[in-house]
């Protein structure tokens, strides 16, 4: 019988925690949000998703003494030189909510047409077995699409209402959770993580 392991999810975002818990429900892990363990959020000064994910995982593993799983993700618009990128969660300011971030992104891209509205969601997931883990597992997923001109759908979170999936034409907020998990950057990164764990 496989022993259940306590793992810290290095995030204070309740939507992200819920999605990760759902996607990882079949693993023999007890998942604890960093906020539930009173682990403060670290600074994320890096300019890449992988560096910020490593920072968050190392921080959570060091303060908890447990395995730590960190996700750094965001939306990348090439026509905006990669913005919002690693600043996606705080694009409209440090206390901005999803609506403010979306409003700023739609304003910044209102003059873009056709292929210039292409974008992608990027997710990097890091699993550290200790703060000094010399070989953390790093997995990445990318979901390509384009920006809608108006928010669509009631599901999802973050930029989901303005991200149109390239294959279906639906916004991420219009997809069912099962459809989204099969297509999304986070679902792809977690599939890669599972493959690495199995190997």
Protein backbone atom coordinates (compact mmCIF):
# COMPACT_ATOMS: atom_id res chain seq x y z
CA UNK A 1 0.00 0.00 0.00
CA UNK A 2 1.39 3.38 -1.00
CA UNK A 3 1.96 5.77 1.88
CA UNK A 4 0.16 9.10 1.67
CA UNK A 5 2.56 12.03 1.54
CA UNK A 6 1.95 15.59 2.74
CA UNK A 7 2.78 18.04 -0.05
CA UNK A 8 2.64 21.83 0.09
CA UNK A 9 1.08 23.67 -2.84
CA UNK A 10 3.13 26.86 -2.93
CA UNK A 11 0.25 29.16 -3.79
CA UNK A 12 -2.21 31.45 -2.04
CA UNK A 13 -4.54 31.59 -5.06
CA UNK A 14 -7.69 29.63 -4.10
CA UNK A 15 -8.70 29.06 -7.74
CA UNK A 16 -5.28 27.64 -8.64
CA UNK A 17 -5.29 25.47 -5.50
CA UNK A 18 -8.71 24.09 -6.38
CA UNK A 19 -7.67 23.29 -9.94
CA UNK A 20 -4.44 21.60 -8.87
CA UNK A 21 -6.20 19.58 -6.17
CA UNK A 22 -8.72 18.37 -8.74
CA UNK A 23 -6.04 17.45 -11.27
CA UNK A 24 -3.92 15.62 -8.68
CA UNK A 25 -6.75 13.94 -6.75
CA UNK A 26 -5.66 10.43 -7.72
CA UNK A 27 -2.11 10.76 -6.37
CA UNK A 28 -1.32 9.51 -2.84
CA UNK A 29 -0.75 13.07 -1.66
CA UNK A 30 -2.39 15.21 1.02
CA UNK A 31 -2.21 18.68 -0.50
CA UNK A 32 -1.91 21.71 1.77
CA UNK A 33 -2.06 25.28 0.50
CA UNK A 34 0.79 27.50 1.63
CA UNK A 35 -1.73 29.85 3.24
CA UNK A 36 -3.19 27.00 5.30
CA UNK A 37 0.28 26.45 6.78
CA UNK A 38 0.86 30.19 7.36
CA UNK A 39 3.70 30.21 4.82
CA UNK A 40 4.04 33.76 3.50
CA UNK A 41 4.35 34.47 -0.19
CA UNK A 42 7.96 34.99 -1.30
CA UNK A 43 9.11 37.79 -3.57
CA UNK A 44 9.11 36.74 -7.22
CA UNK A 45 11.80 38.95 -8.75
CA UNK A 46 12.71 36.73 -11.71
CA UNK A 47 11.78 37.41 -15.32
CA UNK A 48 10.98 33.79 -16.24
CA UNK A 49 8.27 31.38 -15.14
CA UNK A 50 10.77 28.63 -14.32
CA UNK A 51 12.87 30.83 -12.03
CA UNK A 52 9.82 32.06 -10.12
CA UNK A 53 8.46 28.52 -9.76
CA UNK A 54 11.81 27.38 -8.35
CA UNK A 55 11.81 30.29 -5.89
CA UNK A 56 8.30 29.46 -4.67
CA UNK A 57 8.94 25.72 -4.36
CA UNK A 58 12.24 26.19 -2.50
CA UNK A 59 10.63 28.73 -0.16
CA UNK A 60 7.69 26.44 0.69
CA UNK A 61 9.86 23.33 1.10
CA UNK A 62 12.26 25.19 3.38
CA UNK A 63 9.58 26.59 5.67
CA UNK A 64 7.43 23.44 5.79
CA UNK A 65 10.01 20.65 5.74
CA UNK A 66 7.77 18.89 3.19
CA UNK A 67 7.75 18.24 -0.51
CA UNK A 68 6.61 21.40 -2.28
CA UNK A 69 4.82 21.85 -5.58
CA UNK A 70 4.91 25.29 -7.18
CA UNK A 71 3.19 26.58 -10.28
CA UNK A 72 4.14 29.80 -12.04
CA UNK A 73 1.95 30.64 -14.95
CA UNK A 74 0.53 33.46 -16.99
CA UNK A 75 -0.58 34.72 -20.35
CA UNK A 76 1.97 35.79 -22.96
CA UNK A 77 1.13 38.14 -25.83
CA UNK A 78 3.94 38.40 -28.37
CA UNK A 79 2.62 41.70 -29.74
CA UNK A 80 3.14 43.16 -26.23
CA UNK A 81 6.74 41.87 -26.07
CA UNK A 82 5.58 38.91 -23.97
CA UNK A 83 3.49 40.88 -21.47
CA UNK A 84 1.76 40.33 -19.12
CA UNK A 85 3.98 37.21 -18.74
CA UNK A 86 5.31 36.61 -15.24
CA UNK A 87 3.43 39.73 -14.10
CA UNK A 88 0.03 38.33 -15.16
CA UNK A 89 -1.43 38.16 -11.64
CA UNK A 90 -0.43 41.76 -10.88
CA UNK A 91 -0.62 43.25 -14.37
CA UNK A 92 -2.92 46.10 -13.30
CA UNK A 93 -1.19 46.59 -9.93
CA UNK A 94 -0.21 44.65 -6.79
CA UNK A 95 -3.80 44.43 -5.50
CA UNK A 96 -5.48 44.04 -8.89
CA UNK A 97 -8.29 41.54 -9.38
CA UNK A 98 -8.99 39.51 -12.52
CA UNK A 99 -11.36 42.12 -13.97
CA UNK A 100 -8.78 44.90 -13.63
CA UNK A 101 -6.10 42.74 -15.24
CA UNK A 102 -8.41 41.80 -18.12
CA UNK A 103 -9.50 45.41 -18.64
CA UNK A 104 -5.86 46.54 -18.87
CA UNK A 105 -4.99 43.74 -21.31
CA UNK A 106 -7.98 44.46 -23.57
CA UNK A 107 -7.10 48.17 -23.56
CA UNK A 108 -3.47 47.42 -24.45
CA UNK A 109 -4.52 45.18 -27.35
CA UNK A 110 -7.59 46.98 -28.69
CA UNK A 111 -5.78 48.09 -31.87
CA UNK A 112 -4.42 44.62 -32.66
CA UNK A 113 -5.98 42.63 -35.49
CA UNK A 114 -5.80 39.06 -36.79
CA UNK A 115 -2.64 37.13 -36.01
CA UNK A 116 -1.39 39.96 -33.80
CA UNK A 117 -4.02 38.86 -31.25
CA UNK A 118 -2.36 35.46 -30.84
CA UNK A 119 -1.36 34.57 -27.30
CA UNK A 120 -0.51 31.61 -25.14
CA UNK A 121 -0.91 30.46 -21.59
CA UNK A 122 2.34 29.13 -20.11
CA UNK A 123 2.65 27.03 -16.96
CA UNK A 124 5.83 25.79 -15.29
CA UNK A 125 5.43 23.36 -12.40
CA UNK A 126 8.28 22.51 -10.04
CA UNK A 127 8.34 19.69 -7.49
CA UNK A 128 11.03 19.92 -4.80
CA UNK A 129 11.54 17.12 -2.30
CA UNK A 130 13.54 19.44 -0.03
CA UNK A 131 14.68 23.06 -0.11
CA UNK A 132 18.13 21.93 -1.21
CA UNK A 133 16.87 19.36 -3.74
CA UNK A 134 19.65 19.31 -6.38
CA UNK A 135 17.40 17.89 -9.09
CA UNK A 136 13.85 19.23 -8.80
CA UNK A 137 11.30 17.96 -11.28
CA UNK A 138 10.44 20.74 -13.75
CA UNK A 139 7.49 20.41 -16.14
CA UNK A 140 6.09 22.91 -18.63
CA UNK A 141 2.85 23.22 -20.56
CA UNK A 142 1.77 25.71 -23.24
CA UNK A 143 -1.77 26.41 -24.50
CA UNK A 144 -1.99 28.50 -27.66
CA UNK A 145 -4.92 30.69 -28.61
CA UNK A 146 -5.91 34.26 -29.31
CA UNK A 147 -7.41 37.14 -27.40
CA UNK A 148 -11.12 37.79 -27.47
CA UNK A 149 -12.24 41.42 -27.64
CA UNK A 150 -14.75 40.89 -24.84
CA UNK A 151 -14.92 38.48 -21.88
CA UNK A 152 -16.89 35.30 -22.63
CA UNK A 153 -18.12 32.54 -20.31
CA UNK A 154 -18.67 32.11 -16.60
CA UNK A 155 -16.16 29.39 -15.70
CA UNK A 156 -12.45 29.33 -14.97
CA UNK A 157 -10.53 32.20 -13.44
CA UNK A 158 -7.94 34.84 -14.25
CA UNK A 159 -7.69 35.58 -17.98
CA UNK A 160 -9.87 32.59 -18.98
CA UNK A 161 -12.78 34.76 -20.25
CA UNK A 162 -10.59 36.46 -22.89
CA UNK A 163 -8.45 33.49 -23.95
CA UNK A 164 -9.90 31.73 -27.00
CA UNK A 165 -8.79 28.13 -27.48
CA UNK A 166 -7.27 27.67 -30.95
CA UNK A 167 -8.98 24.31 -31.59
CA UNK A 168 -12.55 24.98 -30.41
CA UNK A 169 -12.87 28.76 -30.67
CA UNK A 170 -14.37 28.78 -27.19
CA UNK A 171 -12.99 30.86 -24.38
CA UNK A 172 -11.31 28.99 -21.54
CA UNK A 173 -14.21 30.20 -19.36
CA UNK A 174 -16.74 28.54 -21.70
CA UNK A 175 -15.13 25.10 -21.48
CA UNK A 176 -16.20 22.49 -18.95
CA UNK A 177 -13.57 21.70 -16.28
CA UNK A 178 -12.90 18.38 -18.01
CA UNK A 179 -12.40 20.04 -21.41
CA UNK A 180 -10.16 22.68 -19.89
CA UNK A 181 -7.99 20.14 -18.06
CA UNK A 182 -7.47 18.21 -21.31
CA UNK A 183 -6.37 21.31 -23.23
CA UNK A 184 -4.79 23.64 -20.71
CA UNK A 185 -1.22 24.61 -20.04
CA UNK A 186 -1.60 23.42 -16.43
CA UNK A 187 -3.07 20.07 -17.51
CA UNK A 188 -0.19 19.55 -19.95
CA UNK A 189 2.43 20.48 -17.35
CA UNK A 190 0.91 18.10 -14.82
CA UNK A 191 0.80 15.28 -17.38
CA UNK A 192 4.52 15.84 -17.93
CA UNK A 193 5.08 15.87 -14.17
CA UNK A 194 3.23 12.56 -13.78
CA UNK A 195 5.34 11.00 -16.51
CA UNK A 196 8.51 12.15 -14.76
CA UNK A 197 7.29 10.78 -11.41
CA UNK A 198 6.38 7.44 -12.99
CA UNK A 199 9.81 7.25 -14.61
